[in-house]
Amino acid sequence: MKNSASNLSTIQAIKLTLRRQAEELLPKLNTVLTKLGYYEIAHQRISQQNNDQKQQLKTTSYQGLTRALHSQFGCVMIKWELSQHSNHELSTLQTEVAVLNAVSILQLTEAQNIPQTIVPPVLAFETVYMEFLEQIWQLNLLAMPYYENGSLAQQLSNEEYSSLSDKTKQQLINQIAHLIANIHRAGWLHNDIKPSNVLLDNFLPNSADNSIIMPSLLLTDFALAENIDKPSVANPAGTPAYLAPECWQGQGATVQSDIYAFGIMLYEVLTGNRPFQLNSQSCEPLKNWAIQHCQQSIPTLPPEYQGYQRIINKALAKRVERRYRNMSEILEDLESV
């Protein structure tokens, strides 16, 4: 109990510090954005990250998500990252821009009616410097279009999920599979596949008959992306609810890790719930997530979705060698459902 109370106190102290720093940071950020031509600025999210380099040098960075208007680009979503000038090489946004630019030139060759655009376009990427906490910091700004239909996570919420027909679910699953397959074909692992990173473009969820609508999806957030041929750091980076067993066991990310995350999403789209759940009162959430993914058996789908059970079982296999080798194999099996 003492440890739990101590942890809670530490978290509250961190939140209070972040709130105070945000009160100083956001007005300065608004000034920078205004000079760059943005207006009607609304900050959606801000977070702080501490990195230990070589166990001696402790660095701090801030990340955020901001919505704004621009005379040329229209309504945009701006991802930004503020880091100390001497540590600019730690920028994850620079990696993300490189991935987005590499993937955006990919041309699909399939005959199916799948959109050629699989990631949001980069409207602008700016690097500026600003004073904050009596130091000079580097500010990276990535502007992308704002998608008013939001993400797949919103459609899987209790309020929206009931409006999804079985036909729409099938279309969503097929498109997500194509997105991941093409990211892999472009030479990248995403490493954070989840509904909130799938954006909905030209999607009409409240249509009287949404079974005739072909949803247009985009994959976003490549902050953790890695080259598919580069060995990944053996570290459980990603979202715990979608993290493959081998990542918890220190083996690092592979194509099969993305496939595992797809399997979690496949179950979630079909049923509205994840296959593995965690008690919200858990004192050791990471440990409990690891147990769920590494030891918990794969649940059975409802009778109406039994055609997908074999795909679920193979995508969520605990051992990598029993899982699908690539997304192409999944696409073949999806066609037979």
Protein backbone atom coordinates (compact mmCIF):
# COMPACT_ATOMS: atom_id res chain seq x y z
CA MET A 1 0.00 0.00 0.00
CA LYS A 2 2.87 2.34 0.83
CA ASN A 3 4.41 1.79 -2.59
CA SER A 4 1.09 2.44 -4.31
CA ALA A 5 0.58 5.65 -2.36
CA SER A 6 4.15 6.73 -3.10
CA ASN A 7 3.71 6.04 -6.83
CA LEU A 8 0.45 7.99 -6.88
CA SER A 9 2.13 10.92 -5.14
CA THR A 10 4.98 10.87 -7.67
CA ILE A 11 2.58 10.82 -10.61
CA GLN A 12 0.61 13.74 -9.18
CA ALA A 13 3.83 15.72 -8.69
CA ILE A 14 4.87 15.07 -12.29
CA LYS A 15 1.48 16.19 -13.57
CA LEU A 16 1.65 19.37 -11.50
CA THR A 17 5.14 20.18 -12.80
CA LEU A 18 4.06 19.54 -16.39
CA ARG A 19 1.02 21.78 -15.93
CA ARG A 20 3.17 24.63 -14.66
CA GLN A 21 5.70 24.23 -17.46
CA ALA A 22 2.89 24.07 -20.03
CA GLU A 23 1.60 27.41 -18.78
CA GLU A 24 4.94 28.91 -19.77
CA LEU A 25 5.53 26.83 -22.90
CA LEU A 26 2.22 27.07 -24.76
CA PRO A 27 2.11 30.87 -25.14
CA LYS A 28 5.65 30.78 -26.57
CA LEU A 29 4.60 27.98 -28.91
CA ASN A 30 1.57 30.00 -30.01
CA THR A 31 3.86 32.90 -30.92
CA VAL A 32 6.03 30.63 -33.08
CA LEU A 33 3.04 29.07 -34.81
CA THR A 34 1.46 32.45 -35.49
CA LYS A 35 4.65 33.68 -37.16
CA LEU A 36 4.54 30.57 -39.38
CA GLY A 37 1.03 31.44 -40.57
CA TYR A 38 -1.13 29.29 -38.28
CA TYR A 39 -4.18 30.66 -36.49
CA GLU A 40 -7.14 29.45 -34.38
CA ILE A 41 -4.60 27.32 -32.53
CA ALA A 42 -5.98 24.65 -30.18
CA HIS A 43 -3.63 22.39 -28.23
CA GLN A 44 -4.92 18.84 -27.99
CA ARG A 45 -2.17 17.08 -26.06
CA ILE A 46 1.18 17.72 -24.39
CA SER A 47 3.53 15.26 -22.71
CA GLN A 48 7.01 15.21 -21.26
CA GLN A 49 9.67 12.55 -21.75
CA ASN A 50 12.92 12.04 -19.90
CA ASN A 51 15.69 10.08 -21.60
CA ASP A 52 18.80 8.72 -19.94
CA GLN A 53 21.77 8.67 -22.26
CA LYS A 54 24.80 6.59 -21.18
CA GLN A 55 23.30 6.50 -17.66
CA GLN A 56 24.72 9.96 -16.92
CA LEU A 57 23.19 12.56 -19.19
CA LYS A 58 19.51 13.11 -18.52
CA THR A 59 17.62 14.89 -21.28
CA THR A 60 14.10 16.22 -21.38
CA SER A 61 11.82 16.66 -24.36
CA TYR A 62 8.22 17.72 -24.82
CA GLN A 63 5.80 16.40 -27.42
CA GLY A 64 2.38 17.65 -28.37
CA LEU A 65 -0.50 17.61 -30.79
CA THR A 66 -2.07 20.88 -31.90
CA ARG A 67 -4.94 21.66 -34.24
CA ALA A 68 -4.88 24.86 -36.25
CA LEU A 69 -5.87 26.60 -39.48
CA HIS A 70 -3.50 27.74 -42.22
CA SER A 71 -4.26 29.96 -45.21
CA GLN A 72 -2.59 27.52 -47.61
CA PHE A 73 -3.17 24.11 -46.00
CA GLY A 74 -6.58 24.61 -44.43
CA CYS A 75 -7.31 22.71 -41.23
CA VAL A 76 -4.21 20.87 -40.02
CA MET A 77 -2.97 18.74 -37.18
CA ILE A 78 0.53 19.68 -36.01
CA LYS A 79 2.77 17.19 -34.24
CA TRP A 80 5.55 19.00 -32.46
CA GLU A 81 8.59 18.07 -30.45
CA LEU A 82 10.66 20.39 -28.29
CA SER A 83 14.13 19.25 -27.26
CA GLN A 84 17.30 20.84 -26.00
CA HIS A 85 19.41 22.15 -28.86
CA SER A 86 22.38 19.90 -28.04
CA ASN A 87 20.18 16.82 -28.27
CA HIS A 88 18.47 17.43 -31.61
CA GLU A 89 19.69 14.07 -32.90
CA LEU A 90 17.14 12.41 -30.60
CA SER A 91 14.21 13.77 -32.64
CA THR A 92 11.59 11.16 -33.46
CA LEU A 93 9.74 13.56 -35.76
CA GLN A 94 12.67 13.62 -38.19
CA THR A 95 12.45 9.83 -38.41
CA GLU A 96 8.70 10.02 -38.89
CA VAL A 97 9.00 12.52 -41.74
CA ALA A 98 11.56 10.28 -43.45
CA VAL A 99 9.17 7.31 -43.21
CA LEU A 100 6.17 9.32 -44.44
CA ASN A 101 8.10 10.63 -47.44
CA ALA A 102 9.41 7.16 -48.30
CA VAL A 103 6.00 5.51 -48.01
CA SER A 104 4.06 8.26 -49.82
CA ILE A 105 5.81 7.52 -53.12
CA LEU A 106 4.78 3.89 -53.02
CA GLN A 107 2.43 2.99 -55.87
CA LEU A 108 0.04 0.10 -55.38
CA THR A 109 -0.27 -2.46 -58.15
CA GLU A 110 -3.21 -4.55 -56.89
CA ALA A 111 -6.37 -4.61 -58.99
CA GLN A 112 -8.64 -4.25 -55.94
CA ASN A 113 -10.23 -0.91 -55.18
CA ILE A 114 -7.70 0.09 -52.51
CA PRO A 115 -6.65 3.76 -52.22
CA GLN A 116 -3.12 4.53 -53.36
CA THR A 117 -2.64 6.96 -50.48
CA ILE A 118 -1.80 4.94 -47.39
CA VAL A 119 -0.31 7.64 -45.14
CA PRO A 120 -1.20 11.30 -44.53
CA PRO A 121 0.80 13.72 -46.70
CA VAL A 122 3.45 15.92 -45.12
CA LEU A 123 2.22 19.49 -45.64
CA ALA A 124 5.16 21.14 -43.90
CA PHE A 125 8.08 20.28 -41.68
CA GLU A 126 9.73 23.16 -39.85
CA THR A 127 12.67 23.38 -37.47
CA VAL A 128 12.93 26.56 -35.41
CA TYR A 129 14.60 27.58 -32.17
CA MET A 130 12.99 29.19 -29.15
CA GLU A 131 13.87 30.15 -25.59
CA PHE A 132 12.28 28.12 -22.84
CA LEU A 133 13.30 27.68 -19.20
CA GLU A 134 16.20 30.08 -19.82
CA GLN A 135 17.68 27.82 -22.50
CA ILE A 136 17.56 27.59 -26.30
CA TRP A 137 15.47 24.63 -27.45
CA GLN A 138 14.91 23.09 -30.88
CA LEU A 139 11.29 22.89 -31.99
CA ASN A 140 10.31 20.47 -34.78
CA LEU A 141 6.86 20.93 -36.31
CA LEU A 142 5.14 18.41 -38.58
CA ALA A 143 1.90 19.59 -40.23
CA MET A 144 -0.52 17.09 -41.76
CA PRO A 145 -4.16 17.37 -42.84
CA TYR A 146 -6.80 17.21 -40.15
CA TYR A 147 -9.27 14.36 -40.73
CA GLU A 148 -12.64 15.27 -39.33
CA ASN A 149 -13.83 11.64 -39.19
CA GLY A 150 -11.17 10.91 -36.60
CA SER A 151 -9.62 7.52 -36.04
CA LEU A 152 -10.80 3.93 -36.04
CA ALA A 153 -10.62 3.99 -32.24
CA GLN A 154 -13.54 6.43 -32.19
CA GLN A 155 -15.60 4.13 -34.41
CA LEU A 156 -14.91 1.22 -32.06
CA SER A 157 -16.19 3.19 -29.08
CA ASN A 158 -19.47 2.14 -27.51
CA GLU A 159 -21.33 5.08 -29.04
CA GLU A 160 -20.33 4.40 -32.64
CA TYR A 161 -19.62 0.68 -32.81
CA SER A 162 -23.27 -0.42 -33.04
CA SER A 163 -23.64 1.45 -36.34
CA LEU A 164 -20.99 -0.67 -38.08
CA SER A 165 -22.45 -3.38 -40.31
CA ASP A 166 -20.73 -6.71 -40.87
CA LYS A 167 -19.95 -5.61 -44.42
CA THR A 168 -18.26 -2.44 -43.19
CA LYS A 169 -16.28 -4.43 -40.62
CA GLN A 170 -15.07 -6.72 -43.40
CA GLN A 171 -14.02 -3.72 -45.51
CA LEU A 172 -12.21 -2.14 -42.58
CA ILE A 173 -10.31 -5.35 -41.84
CA ASN A 174 -9.28 -5.81 -45.48
CA GLN A 175 -8.08 -2.23 -45.83
CA ILE A 176 -6.11 -2.32 -42.60
CA ALA A 177 -4.41 -5.50 -43.80
CA HIS A 178 -3.53 -3.82 -47.11
CA LEU A 179 -2.15 -0.76 -45.29
CA ILE A 180 0.19 -2.84 -43.15
CA ALA A 181 1.21 -5.01 -46.10
CA ASN A 182 2.20 -1.94 -48.09
CA ILE A 183 4.09 -0.37 -45.20
CA HIS A 184 6.10 -3.58 -44.99
CA ARG A 185 6.57 -3.58 -48.75
CA ALA A 186 7.99 -0.07 -48.49
CA GLY A 187 10.58 -1.47 -46.09
CA TRP A 188 9.27 -0.32 -42.70
CA LEU A 189 7.94 -1.82 -39.50
CA HIS A 190 5.29 0.35 -37.90
CA ASN A 191 5.72 -0.98 -34.34
CA ASP A 192 2.58 0.69 -32.99
CA ILE A 193 -0.36 -0.75 -34.92
CA LYS A 194 -3.61 0.11 -33.12
CA PRO A 195 -7.03 1.67 -33.92
CA SER A 196 -6.05 5.19 -32.83
CA ASN A 197 -3.30 5.15 -35.48
CA VAL A 198 -5.74 4.37 -38.30
CA LEU A 199 -7.36 7.55 -39.64
CA LEU A 200 -10.71 7.60 -41.43
CA ASP A 201 -10.88 9.55 -44.66
CA ASN A 202 -14.10 9.78 -46.70
CA PHE A 203 -15.93 7.63 -44.17
CA LEU A 204 -19.65 8.12 -43.45
CA PRO A 205 -20.38 6.19 -40.25
CA ASN A 206 -23.91 7.55 -39.79
CA SER A 207 -25.21 6.58 -43.23
CA ALA A 208 -28.52 4.77 -43.29
CA ASP A 209 -26.82 1.93 -45.16
CA ASN A 210 -23.10 2.01 -44.50
CA SER A 211 -22.70 -1.47 -45.99
CA ILE A 212 -22.29 0.15 -49.42
CA ILE A 213 -19.56 2.55 -48.25
CA MET A 214 -15.94 1.72 -49.00
CA PRO A 215 -14.02 3.28 -46.11
CA SER A 216 -10.79 5.05 -46.97
CA LEU A 217 -8.13 4.55 -44.31
CA LEU A 218 -4.69 5.98 -43.62
CA LEU A 219 -1.98 4.71 -41.29
CA THR A 220 -0.35 7.34 -39.10
CA ASP A 221 2.10 7.86 -36.21
CA PHE A 222 5.46 6.44 -37.28
CA ALA A 223 7.36 7.64 -34.22
CA LEU A 224 8.46 4.07 -33.43
CA ALA A 225 8.93 2.91 -37.03
CA GLU A 226 12.10 1.02 -37.95
CA ASN A 227 13.68 -0.15 -41.14
CA ILE A 228 12.47 -3.68 -41.77
CA ASP A 229 16.03 -4.94 -42.38
CA LYS A 230 17.53 -3.25 -39.32
CA PRO A 231 17.59 -5.27 -36.09
CA SER A 232 15.39 -3.52 -33.54
CA VAL A 233 16.31 -2.67 -30.00
CA ALA A 234 15.19 -5.45 -27.67
CA ASN A 235 12.85 -3.22 -25.71
CA PRO A 236 9.05 -3.38 -25.33
CA ALA A 237 8.34 -0.16 -27.22
CA GLY A 238 4.77 0.31 -28.34
CA THR A 239 1.30 0.15 -26.82
CA PRO A 240 1.02 -2.64 -24.21
CA ALA A 241 -2.46 -3.75 -25.32
CA TYR A 242 -1.08 -4.60 -28.80
CA LEU A 243 2.47 -5.68 -27.99
CA ALA A 244 3.54 -9.16 -29.15
CA PRO A 245 4.87 -11.78 -26.68
CA GLU A 246 8.39 -11.75 -28.13
CA CYS A 247 8.65 -8.00 -27.46
CA TRP A 248 7.85 -8.60 -23.79
CA GLN A 249 10.50 -11.30 -23.75
CA GLY A 250 13.23 -8.97 -25.02
CA GLN A 251 13.46 -10.26 -28.59
CA GLY A 252 12.68 -6.98 -30.31
CA ALA A 253 10.24 -6.15 -33.11
CA THR A 254 9.79 -7.99 -36.41
CA VAL A 255 7.19 -8.26 -39.19
CA GLN A 256 5.44 -10.80 -36.95
CA SER A 257 5.11 -8.17 -34.23
CA ASP A 258 3.06 -5.96 -36.55
CA ILE A 259 1.06 -9.05 -37.56
CA TYR A 260 0.30 -9.77 -33.91
CA ALA A 261 -0.96 -6.21 -33.41
CA PHE A 262 -3.13 -6.63 -36.52
CA GLY A 263 -4.59 -9.79 -34.95
CA ILE A 264 -5.57 -7.81 -31.86
CA MET A 265 -7.23 -5.19 -34.08
CA LEU A 266 -9.00 -7.86 -36.15
CA TYR A 267 -10.64 -9.26 -33.02
CA GLU A 268 -11.46 -5.74 -31.83
CA VAL A 269 -13.15 -4.71 -35.09
CA LEU A 270 -15.26 -7.89 -35.14
CA THR A 271 -16.38 -7.83 -31.50
CA GLY A 272 -15.85 -4.28 -30.24
CA ASN A 273 -13.49 -5.55 -27.52
CA ARG A 274 -9.83 -6.54 -27.33
CA PRO A 275 -9.08 -10.26 -26.91
CA PHE A 276 -7.04 -9.52 -23.78
CA GLN A 277 -8.25 -7.22 -21.01
CA LEU A 278 -6.57 -5.62 -18.01
CA ASN A 279 -8.09 -4.69 -14.68
CA SER A 280 -8.13 -0.90 -14.47
CA GLN A 281 -7.13 -1.17 -10.80
CA SER A 282 -3.95 -3.12 -11.57
CA CYS A 283 -0.93 -1.91 -9.57
CA GLU A 284 1.51 -3.48 -12.04
CA PRO A 285 -0.07 -2.93 -15.47
CA LEU A 286 3.01 -3.73 -17.55
CA LYS A 287 3.58 -7.02 -15.75
CA ASN A 288 -0.08 -7.96 -16.11
CA TRP A 289 -0.12 -7.06 -19.80
CA ALA A 290 2.94 -9.27 -20.31
CA ILE A 291 1.15 -12.17 -18.61
CA GLN A 292 -1.95 -11.64 -20.76
CA HIS A 293 -0.05 -11.63 -24.04
CA CYS A 294 2.42 -14.40 -23.18
CA GLN A 295 0.17 -16.82 -21.29
CA GLN A 296 -3.52 -16.07 -21.79
CA SER A 297 -5.25 -18.33 -24.32
CA ILE A 298 -6.81 -16.80 -27.43
CA PRO A 299 -10.57 -16.31 -26.93
CA THR A 300 -13.16 -17.77 -29.25
CA LEU A 301 -15.04 -15.46 -31.61
CA PRO A 302 -18.85 -15.30 -31.57
CA PRO A 303 -20.52 -17.86 -33.90
CA GLU A 304 -21.25 -15.28 -36.61
CA TYR A 305 -17.51 -14.58 -37.00
CA GLN A 306 -16.18 -18.13 -36.80
CA GLY A 307 -14.82 -17.81 -40.34
CA TYR A 308 -12.13 -15.51 -38.92
CA GLN A 309 -11.11 -17.76 -36.01
CA ARG A 310 -8.33 -19.53 -37.91
CA ILE A 311 -6.84 -16.17 -38.92
CA ILE A 312 -7.08 -14.89 -35.34
CA ASN A 313 -5.39 -18.02 -33.99
CA LYS A 314 -2.48 -17.82 -36.43
CA ALA A 315 -2.02 -14.04 -36.15
CA LEU A 316 -1.99 -14.21 -32.33
CA ALA A 317 0.15 -17.33 -31.99
CA LYS A 318 2.40 -16.96 -28.95
CA ARG A 319 5.44 -18.31 -30.79
CA VAL A 320 6.72 -16.36 -33.79
CA GLU A 321 7.37 -19.48 -35.90
CA ARG A 322 3.68 -20.43 -35.64
CA ARG A 323 2.49 -17.01 -36.71
CA TYR A 324 1.93 -15.76 -40.26
CA ARG A 325 5.22 -15.09 -42.02
CA ASN A 326 3.94 -11.95 -43.76
CA MET A 327 0.80 -9.90 -44.42
CA SER A 328 0.42 -11.40 -47.89
CA GLU A 329 -0.51 -14.72 -46.29
CA ILE A 330 -3.15 -12.97 -44.20
CA LEU A 331 -4.59 -11.24 -47.27
CA GLU A 332 -4.93 -14.61 -48.99
CA ASP A 333 -6.81 -16.06 -46.01
CA LEU A 334 -9.04 -12.99 -45.72
CA GLU A 335 -10.16 -13.50 -49.31
CA SER A 336 -11.41 -16.97 -48.42
CA VAL A 337 -13.56 -15.79 -45.50
